[in-house]
Structures are given as C-alpha cells and as structure tokens.
Amino acid sequence: MKAHIVRIGNSRGVRLPKTLLQEAQLEGEVELQAEPGRILISKPSQPRAGWADAARRMREQDEDRLIDQPIPTRFDTDDWKWR
C-alpha cells in the first residue's frame, strides 16, 4: 500500500487506514524508530518485561547474590542511629 506524506501544521504525517491499524493491532500510543529509508511503527515495549521471571530463576539457581561484598562507610559506623 502506498501513501503520501502530508503537511499537518508545521509537521508532516501519513494517514493510516483504520483497517491497516486494526490488522497491525495498533492503537493509542506507539513507538517510532527511524532507519535509513524507513520508519518503523510498533507497540510500545514493556519496560522490565520478564524481569520477575528472570529473578525467580536466578533465586532458584542460587545466583542472586551480590557480586561484590558491601564496604562499610563512615555513615554506617558513625552517623547511623536506630531510634
């Protein structure tokens, strides 16, 4: 399908047919990415998607320890007071 780039105020845009949007299952907010010779329109990615499952697998394999041991600071020894 071909379309024309049209003026929309000071910007430019492409009108997308409703059926094309429905077929792509796009609505509301989308992500745009420019590549040489094309612009990609996609559903927004879910930040941190899958992190909970990855953390659970790490825990099951006992791989969820700190990489480095904590180093105490003056705050830990002198300034911190429990009330």
PDB file of N, CA and C in Angstrom:
ATOM      1  N   MET A   1       0.852  -1.171   0.000  1.00  0.00           N
ATOM      2  CA  MET A   1       0.000   0.000   0.000  1.00  0.00           C
ATOM      3  C   MET A   1       0.899   1.237   0.000  1.00  0.00           C
ATOM      4  N   LYS A   2       0.580   2.197  -0.829  1.00  0.00           N
ATOM      5  CA  LYS A   2       1.331   3.445  -0.890  1.00  0.00           C
ATOM      6  C   LYS A   2       0.515   4.553  -0.231  1.00  0.00           C
ATOM      7  N   ALA A   3       1.220   5.537   0.301  1.00  0.00           N
ATOM      8  CA  ALA A   3       0.570   6.695   0.912  1.00  0.00           C
ATOM      9  C   ALA A   3       1.432   7.912   0.628  1.00  0.00           C
ATOM     10  N   HIS A   4       0.869   9.079   0.842  1.00  0.00           N
ATOM     11  CA  HIS A   4       1.592  10.331   0.643  1.00  0.00           C
ATOM     12  C   HIS A   4       1.912  10.954   1.993  1.00  0.00           C
ATOM     13  N   ILE A   5       3.071  11.580   2.082  1.00  0.00           N
ATOM     14  CA  ILE A   5       3.415  12.359   3.260  1.00  0.00           C
ATOM     15  C   ILE A   5       2.720  13.700   3.111  1.00  0.00           C
ATOM     16  N   VAL A   6       1.922  14.075   4.109  1.00  0.00           N
ATOM     17  CA  VAL A   6       1.119  15.295   4.035  1.00  0.00           C
ATOM     18  C   VAL A   6       1.531  16.263   5.128  1.00  0.00           C
ATOM     19  N   ARG A   7       1.237  17.518   4.914  1.00  0.00           N
ATOM     20  CA  ARG A   7       1.517  18.560   5.902  1.00  0.00           C
ATOM     21  C   ARG A   7       0.424  18.518   6.976  1.00  0.00           C
ATOM     22  N   ILE A   8       0.871  18.530   8.237  1.00  0.00           N
ATOM     23  CA  ILE A   8      -0.040  18.615   9.390  1.00  0.00           C
ATOM     24  C   ILE A   8       0.533  19.707  10.278  1.00  0.00           C
ATOM     25  N   GLY A   9       0.040  20.934  10.110  1.00  0.00           N
ATOM     26  CA  GLY A   9       0.620  22.073  10.822  1.00  0.00           C
ATOM     27  C   GLY A   9       2.041  22.283  10.349  1.00  0.00           C
ATOM     28  N   ASN A  10       2.988  22.392  11.291  1.00  0.00           N
ATOM     29  CA  ASN A  10       4.402  22.540  10.947  1.00  0.00           C
ATOM     30  C   ASN A  10       5.097  21.188  10.765  1.00  0.00           C
ATOM     31  N   SER A  11       4.354  20.104  10.950  1.00  0.00           N
ATOM     32  CA  SER A  11       4.923  18.758  10.854  1.00  0.00           C
ATOM     33  C   SER A  11       4.475  18.090   9.563  1.00  0.00           C
ATOM     34  N   ARG A  12       4.863  16.862   9.404  1.00  0.00           N
ATOM     35  CA  ARG A  12       4.427  16.035   8.297  1.00  0.00           C
ATOM     36  C   ARG A  12       3.861  14.752   8.873  1.00  0.00           C
ATOM     37  N   GLY A  13       2.991  14.115   8.123  1.00  0.00           N
ATOM     38  CA  GLY A  13       2.398  12.889   8.608  1.00  0.00           C
ATOM     39  C   GLY A  13       1.928  12.007   7.479  1.00  0.00           C
ATOM     40  N   VAL A  14       1.545  10.793   7.845  1.00  0.00           N
ATOM     41  CA  VAL A  14       0.981   9.832   6.907  1.00  0.00           C
ATOM     42  C   VAL A  14      -0.339   9.384   7.499  1.00  0.00           C
ATOM     43  N   ARG A  15      -1.389   9.425   6.708  1.00  0.00           N
ATOM     44  CA  ARG A  15      -2.688   8.941   7.180  1.00  0.00           C
ATOM     45  C   ARG A  15      -2.729   7.432   7.004  1.00  0.00           C
ATOM     46  N   LEU A  16      -3.013   6.728   8.079  1.00  0.00           N
ATOM     47  CA  LEU A  16      -3.065   5.274   8.043  1.00  0.00           C
ATOM     48  C   LEU A  16      -4.513   4.819   8.053  1.00  0.00           C
ATOM     49  N   PRO A  17      -4.909   3.978   7.102  1.00  0.00           N
ATOM     50  CA  PRO A  17      -6.285   3.490   7.087  1.00  0.00           C
ATOM     51  C   PRO A  17      -6.606   2.685   8.353  1.00  0.00           C
ATOM     52  N   LYS A  18      -7.833   2.791   8.804  1.00  0.00           N
ATOM     53  CA  LYS A  18      -8.283   2.110  10.012  1.00  0.00           C
ATOM     54  C   LYS A  18      -8.058   0.603   9.904  1.00  0.00           C
ATOM     55  N   THR A  19      -8.328   0.032   8.740  1.00  0.00           N
ATOM     56  CA  THR A  19      -8.169  -1.417   8.572  1.00  0.00           C
ATOM     57  C   THR A  19      -6.702  -1.834   8.718  1.00  0.00           C
ATOM     58  N   LEU A  20      -5.782  -0.998   8.260  1.00  0.00           N
ATOM     59  CA  LEU A  20      -4.359  -1.294   8.394  1.00  0.00           C
ATOM     60  C   LEU A  20      -3.949  -1.289   9.869  1.00  0.00           C
ATOM     61  N   LEU A  21      -4.440  -0.302  10.622  1.00  0.00           N
ATOM     62  CA  LEU A  21      -4.153  -0.235  12.057  1.00  0.00           C
ATOM     63  C   LEU A  21      -4.747  -1.436  12.790  1.00  0.00           C
ATOM     64  N   GLN A  22      -5.951  -1.831  12.410  1.00  0.00           N
ATOM     65  CA  GLN A  22      -6.575  -2.992  13.044  1.00  0.00           C
ATOM     66  C   GLN A  22      -5.786  -4.261  12.741  1.00  0.00           C
ATOM     67  N   GLU A  23      -5.354  -4.411  11.501  1.00  0.00           N
ATOM     68  CA  GLU A  23      -4.584  -5.594  11.116  1.00  0.00           C
ATOM     69  C   GLU A  23      -3.265  -5.660  11.874  1.00  0.00           C
ATOM     70  N   ALA A  24      -2.641  -4.504  12.092  1.00  0.00           N
ATOM     71  CA  ALA A  24      -1.375  -4.444  12.843  1.00  0.00           C
ATOM     72  C   ALA A  24      -1.606  -4.475  14.349  1.00  0.00           C
ATOM     73  N   GLN A  25      -2.852  -4.413  14.776  1.00  0.00           N
ATOM     74  CA  GLN A  25      -3.229  -4.403  16.201  1.00  0.00           C
ATOM     75  C   GLN A  25      -2.572  -3.243  16.937  1.00  0.00           C
ATOM     76  N   LEU A  26      -2.610  -2.060  16.304  1.00  0.00           N
ATOM     77  CA  LEU A  26      -2.052  -0.850  16.904  1.00  0.00           C
ATOM     78  C   LEU A  26      -3.174   0.100  17.271  1.00  0.00           C
ATOM     79  N   GLU A  27      -3.070   0.648  18.470  1.00  0.00           N
ATOM     80  CA  GLU A  27      -3.992   1.701  18.883  1.00  0.00           C
ATOM     81  C   GLU A  27      -3.356   2.484  20.017  1.00  0.00           C
ATOM     82  N   GLY A  28      -3.799   3.710  20.175  1.00  0.00           N
ATOM     83  CA  GLY A  28      -3.257   4.543  21.247  1.00  0.00           C
ATOM     84  C   GLY A  28      -1.806   4.894  21.001  1.00  0.00           C
ATOM     85  N   GLU A  29      -0.970   4.703  22.010  1.00  0.00           N
ATOM     86  CA  GLU A  29       0.439   5.082  21.944  1.00  0.00           C
ATOM     87  C   GLU A  29       1.245   4.051  21.151  1.00  0.00           C
ATOM     88  N   VAL A  30       2.180   4.525  20.337  1.00  0.00           N
ATOM     89  CA  VAL A  30       3.071   3.661  19.570  1.00  0.00           C
ATOM     90  C   VAL A  30       4.501   4.161  19.707  1.00  0.00           C
ATOM     91  N   GLU A  31       5.464   3.312  19.368  1.00  0.00           N
ATOM     92  CA  GLU A  31       6.864   3.705  19.335  1.00  0.00           C
ATOM     93  C   GLU A  31       7.279   3.893  17.890  1.00  0.00           C
ATOM     94  N   LEU A  32       8.064   4.927  17.623  1.00  0.00           N
ATOM     95  CA  LEU A  32       8.584   5.204  16.294  1.00  0.00           C
ATOM     96  C   LEU A  32      10.087   5.012  16.304  1.00  0.00           C
ATOM     97  N   GLN A  33      10.599   4.384  15.253  1.00  0.00           N
ATOM     98  CA  GLN A  33      12.033   4.185  15.133  1.00  0.00           C
ATOM     99  C   GLN A  33      12.422   4.467  13.694  1.00  0.00           C
ATOM    100  N   ALA A  34      13.414   5.323  13.508  1.00  0.00           N
ATOM    101  CA  ALA A  34      13.877   5.675  12.165  1.00  0.00           C
ATOM    102  C   ALA A  34      15.079   4.829  11.795  1.00  0.00           C
ATOM    103  N   GLU A  35      15.043   4.298  10.590  1.00  0.00           N
ATOM    104  CA  GLU A  35      16.151   3.572  10.000  1.00  0.00           C
ATOM    105  C   GLU A  35      16.345   4.126   8.599  1.00  0.00           C
ATOM    106  N   PRO A  36      17.507   3.977   8.025  1.00  0.00           N
ATOM    107  CA  PRO A  36      17.710   4.510   6.674  1.00  0.00           C
ATOM    108  C   PRO A  36      16.649   3.991   5.698  1.00  0.00           C
ATOM    109  N   GLY A  37      15.883   4.895   5.144  1.00  0.00           N
ATOM    110  CA  GLY A  37      14.877   4.541   4.151  1.00  0.00           C
ATOM    111  C   GLY A  37      13.552   4.050   4.688  1.00  0.00           C
ATOM    112  N   ARG A  38      13.373   4.042   6.012  1.00  0.00           N
ATOM    113  CA  ARG A  38      12.082   3.589   6.549  1.00  0.00           C
ATOM    114  C   ARG A  38      11.862   4.086   7.974  1.00  0.00           C
ATOM    115  N   ILE A  39      10.603   4.107   8.351  1.00  0.00           N
ATOM    116  CA  ILE A  39      10.197   4.438   9.716  1.00  0.00           C
ATOM    117  C   ILE A  39       9.364   3.267  10.218  1.00  0.00           C
ATOM    118  N   LEU A  40       9.731   2.715  11.364  1.00  0.00           N
ATOM    119  CA  LEU A  40       9.021   1.590  11.944  1.00  0.00           C
ATOM    120  C   LEU A  40       8.055   2.092  13.006  1.00  0.00           C
ATOM    121  N   ILE A  41       6.843   1.601  12.972  1.00  0.00           N
ATOM    122  CA  ILE A  41       5.823   1.916  13.966  1.00  0.00           C
ATOM    123  C   ILE A  41       5.498   0.616  14.682  1.00  0.00           C
ATOM    124  N   SER A  42       5.597   0.596  16.017  1.00  0.00           N
ATOM    125  CA  SER A  42       5.345  -0.633  16.757  1.00  0.00           C
ATOM    126  C   SER A  42       4.668  -0.337  18.083  1.00  0.00           C
ATOM    127  N   LYS A  43       4.134  -1.395  18.676  1.00  0.00           N
ATOM    128  CA  LYS A  43       3.555  -1.265  20.013  1.00  0.00           C
ATOM    129  C   LYS A  43       4.658  -0.874  20.979  1.00  0.00           C
ATOM    130  N   PRO A  44       4.324  -0.093  22.012  1.00  0.00           N
ATOM    131  CA  PRO A  44       5.349   0.270  22.999  1.00  0.00           C
ATOM    132  C   PRO A  44       5.862  -0.976  23.709  1.00  0.00           C
ATOM    133  N   SER A  45       7.153  -1.024  23.948  1.00  0.00           N
ATOM    134  CA  SER A  45       7.720  -2.151  24.687  1.00  0.00           C
ATOM    135  C   SER A  45       7.379  -1.984  26.164  1.00  0.00           C
ATOM    136  N   GLN A  46       7.330  -3.084  26.840  1.00  0.00           N
ATOM    137  CA  GLN A  46       7.046  -3.079  28.274  1.00  0.00           C
ATOM    138  C   GLN A  46       8.377  -3.011  29.012  1.00  0.00           C
ATOM    139  N   PRO A  47       8.674  -1.876  29.683  1.00  0.00           N
ATOM    140  CA  PRO A  47       9.939  -1.802  30.427  1.00  0.00           C
ATOM    141  C   PRO A  47      10.009  -2.906  31.473  1.00  0.00           C
ATOM    142  N   ARG A  48      11.146  -3.518  31.566  1.00  0.00           N
ATOM    143  CA  ARG A  48      11.410  -4.567  32.551  1.00  0.00           C
ATOM    144  C   ARG A  48      10.522  -5.799  32.373  1.00  0.00           C
ATOM    145  N   ALA A  49       9.975  -5.995  31.166  1.00  0.00           N
ATOM    146  CA  ALA A  49       9.166  -7.188  30.921  1.00  0.00           C
ATOM    147  C   ALA A  49      10.034  -8.420  31.118  1.00  0.00           C
ATOM    148  N   GLY A  50       9.546  -9.372  31.880  1.00  0.00           N
ATOM    149  CA  GLY A  50      10.271 -10.612  32.107  1.00  0.00           C
ATOM    150  C   GLY A  50      11.248 -10.581  33.267  1.00  0.00           C
ATOM    151  N   TRP A  51      11.427  -9.423  33.893  1.00  0.00           N
ATOM    152  CA  TRP A  51      12.385  -9.328  34.995  1.00  0.00           C
ATOM    153  C   TRP A  51      11.987 -10.212  36.174  1.00  0.00           C
ATOM    154  N   ALA A  52      10.709 -10.281  36.491  1.00  0.00           N
ATOM    155  CA  ALA A  52      10.268 -11.075  37.640  1.00  0.00           C
ATOM    156  C   ALA A  52      10.596 -12.545  37.421  1.00  0.00           C
ATOM    157  N   ASP A  53      10.343 -13.058  36.214  1.00  0.00           N
ATOM    158  CA  ASP A  53      10.656 -14.457  35.916  1.00  0.00           C
ATOM    159  C   ASP A  53      12.160 -14.700  35.964  1.00  0.00           C
ATOM    160  N   ALA A  54      12.944 -13.766  35.430  1.00  0.00           N
ATOM    161  CA  ALA A  54      14.404 -13.911  35.452  1.00  0.00           C
ATOM    162  C   ALA A  54      14.916 -13.919  36.891  1.00  0.00           C
ATOM    163  N   ALA A  55      14.377 -13.050  37.738  1.00  0.00           N
ATOM    164  CA  ALA A  55      14.794 -13.002  39.142  1.00  0.00           C
ATOM    165  C   ALA A  55      14.419 -14.297  39.861  1.00  0.00           C
ATOM    166  N   ARG A  56      13.246 -14.829  39.557  1.00  0.00           N
ATOM    167  CA  ARG A  56      12.813 -16.086  40.184  1.00  0.00           C
ATOM    168  C   ARG A  56      13.752 -17.238  39.765  1.00  0.00           C
ATOM    169  N   ARG A  57      14.110 -17.300  38.482  1.00  0.00           N
ATOM    170  CA  ARG A  57      15.028 -18.347  38.020  1.00  0.00           C
ATOM    171  C   ARG A  57      16.405 -18.198  38.673  1.00  0.00           C
ATOM    172  N   MET A  58      16.876 -16.951  38.807  1.00  0.00           N
ATOM    173  CA  MET A  58      18.158 -16.726  39.473  1.00  0.00           C
ATOM    174  C   MET A  58      18.109 -17.218  40.911  1.00  0.00           C
ATOM    175  N   ARG A  59      17.000 -16.939  41.605  1.00  0.00           N
ATOM    176  CA  ARG A  59      16.868 -17.364  43.004  1.00  0.00           C
ATOM    177  C   ARG A  59      16.848 -18.879  43.100  1.00  0.00           C
ATOM    178  N   GLU A  60      16.130 -19.530  42.197  1.00  0.00           N
ATOM    179  CA  GLU A  60      16.052 -20.992  42.205  1.00  0.00           C
ATOM    180  C   GLU A  60      17.424 -21.625  41.991  1.00  0.00           C
ATOM    181  N   GLN A  61      18.298 -20.951  41.233  1.00  0.00           N
ATOM    182  CA  GLN A  61      19.626 -21.476  40.949  1.00  0.00           C
ATOM    183  C   GLN A  61      20.682 -20.893  41.897  1.00  0.00           C
ATOM    184  N   ASP A  62      20.224 -20.193  42.933  1.00  0.00           N
ATOM    185  CA  ASP A  62      21.111 -19.572  43.924  1.00  0.00           C
ATOM    186  C   ASP A  62      22.138 -18.652  43.265  1.00  0.00           C
ATOM    187  N   GLU A  63      21.676 -17.881  42.273  1.00  0.00           N
ATOM    188  CA  GLU A  63      22.543 -16.938  41.559  1.00  0.00           C
ATOM    189  C   GLU A  63      22.160 -15.484  41.831  1.00  0.00           C
ATOM    190  N   ASP A  64      21.478 -15.234  42.939  1.00  0.00           N
ATOM    191  CA  ASP A  64      21.000 -13.879  43.216  1.00  0.00           C
ATOM    192  C   ASP A  64      21.796 -13.197  44.331  1.00  0.00           C
ATOM    193  N   ARG A  65      23.067 -13.552  44.448  1.00  0.00           N
ATOM    194  CA  ARG A  65      23.913 -12.920  45.456  1.00  0.00           C
ATOM    195  C   ARG A  65      24.538 -11.651  44.900  1.00  0.00           C
ATOM    196  N   LEU A  66      25.042 -10.814  45.816  1.00  0.00           N
ATOM    197  CA  LEU A  66      25.762  -9.615  45.400  1.00  0.00           C
ATOM    198  C   LEU A  66      27.072 -10.005  44.727  1.00  0.00           C
ATOM    199  N   ILE A  67      27.463  -9.261  43.719  1.00  0.00           N
ATOM    200  CA  ILE A  67      28.726  -9.532  43.033  1.00  0.00           C
ATOM    201  C   ILE A  67      29.898  -9.169  43.940  1.00  0.00           C
ATOM    202  N   ASP A  68      29.837  -8.011  44.574  1.00  0.00           N
ATOM    203  CA  ASP A  68      30.887  -7.550  45.486  1.00  0.00           C
ATOM    204  C   ASP A  68      30.307  -7.448  46.884  1.00  0.00           C
ATOM    205  N   GLN A  69      31.139  -7.688  47.872  1.00  0.00           N
ATOM    206  CA  GLN A  69      30.706  -7.543  49.253  1.00  0.00           C
ATOM    207  C   GLN A  69      30.556  -6.058  49.583  1.00  0.00           C
ATOM    208  N   PRO A  70      29.552  -5.697  50.391  1.00  0.00           N
ATOM    209  CA  PRO A  70      29.385  -4.296  50.776  1.00  0.00           C
ATOM    210  C   PRO A  70      30.591  -3.789  51.553  1.00  0.00           C
ATOM    211  N   ILE A  71      30.951  -2.542  51.317  1.00  0.00           N
ATOM    212  CA  ILE A  71      32.059  -1.904  52.021  1.00  0.00           C
ATOM    213  C   ILE A  71      31.461  -0.884  52.988  1.00  0.00           C
ATOM    214  N   PRO A  72      31.669  -1.069  54.307  1.00  0.00           N
ATOM    215  CA  PRO A  72      31.110  -0.113  55.261  1.00  0.00           C
ATOM    216  C   PRO A  72      31.734   1.276  55.083  1.00  0.00           C
ATOM    217  N   THR A  73      30.924   2.272  55.304  1.00  0.00           N
ATOM    218  CA  THR A  73      31.389   3.660  55.229  1.00  0.00           C
ATOM    219  C   THR A  73      31.283   4.300  56.608  1.00  0.00           C
ATOM    220  N   ARG A  74      31.770   5.527  56.731  1.00  0.00           N
ATOM    221  CA  ARG A  74      31.663   6.256  57.989  1.00  0.00           C
ATOM    222  C   ARG A  74      30.192   6.399  58.384  1.00  0.00           C
ATOM    223  N   PHE A  75      29.326   6.578  57.425  1.00  0.00           N
ATOM    224  CA  PHE A  75      27.902   6.694  57.720  1.00  0.00           C
ATOM    225  C   PHE A  75      27.394   5.462  58.460  1.00  0.00           C
ATOM    226  N   ASP A  76      27.819   4.269  58.006  1.00  0.00           N
ATOM    227  CA  ASP A  76      27.368   3.034  58.646  1.00  0.00           C
ATOM    228  C   ASP A  76      27.836   2.931  60.088  1.00  0.00           C
ATOM    229  N   THR A  77      29.064   3.347  60.356  1.00  0.00           N
ATOM    230  CA  THR A  77      29.635   3.156  61.702  1.00  0.00           C
ATOM    231  C   THR A  77      29.398   4.334  62.631  1.00  0.00           C
ATOM    232  N   ASP A  78      29.388   5.576  62.099  1.00  0.00           N
ATOM    233  CA  ASP A  78      29.312   6.743  62.977  1.00  0.00           C
ATOM    234  C   ASP A  78      27.968   7.475  62.924  1.00  0.00           C
ATOM    235  N   ASP A  79      27.443   7.642  61.719  1.00  0.00           N
ATOM    236  CA  ASP A  79      26.296   8.541  61.564  1.00  0.00           C
ATOM    237  C   ASP A  79      24.943   7.854  61.720  1.00  0.00           C
ATOM    238  N   TRP A  80      24.855   6.565  61.488  1.00  0.00           N
ATOM    239  CA  TRP A  80      23.556   5.875  61.515  1.00  0.00           C
ATOM    240  C   TRP A  80      23.148   5.557  62.933  1.00  0.00           C
ATOM    241  N   LYS A  81      21.959   5.950  63.312  1.00  0.00           N
ATOM    242  CA  LYS A  81      21.439   5.681  64.661  1.00  0.00           C
ATOM    243  C   LYS A  81      20.012   5.142  64.531  1.00  0.00           C
ATOM    244  N   TRP A  82      19.751   3.997  65.156  1.00  0.00           N
ATOM    245  CA  TRP A  82      18.386   3.473  65.228  1.00  0.00           C
ATOM    246  C   TRP A  82      17.630   4.259  66.289  1.00  0.00           C
ATOM    247  N   ARG A  83      16.402   4.548  66.019  1.00  0.00           N
ATOM    248  CA  ARG A  83      15.607   5.270  67.016  1.00  0.00           C
ATOM    249  C   ARG A  83      14.566   4.386  67.613  1.00  0.00           C
TER     250      ARG A  83
END
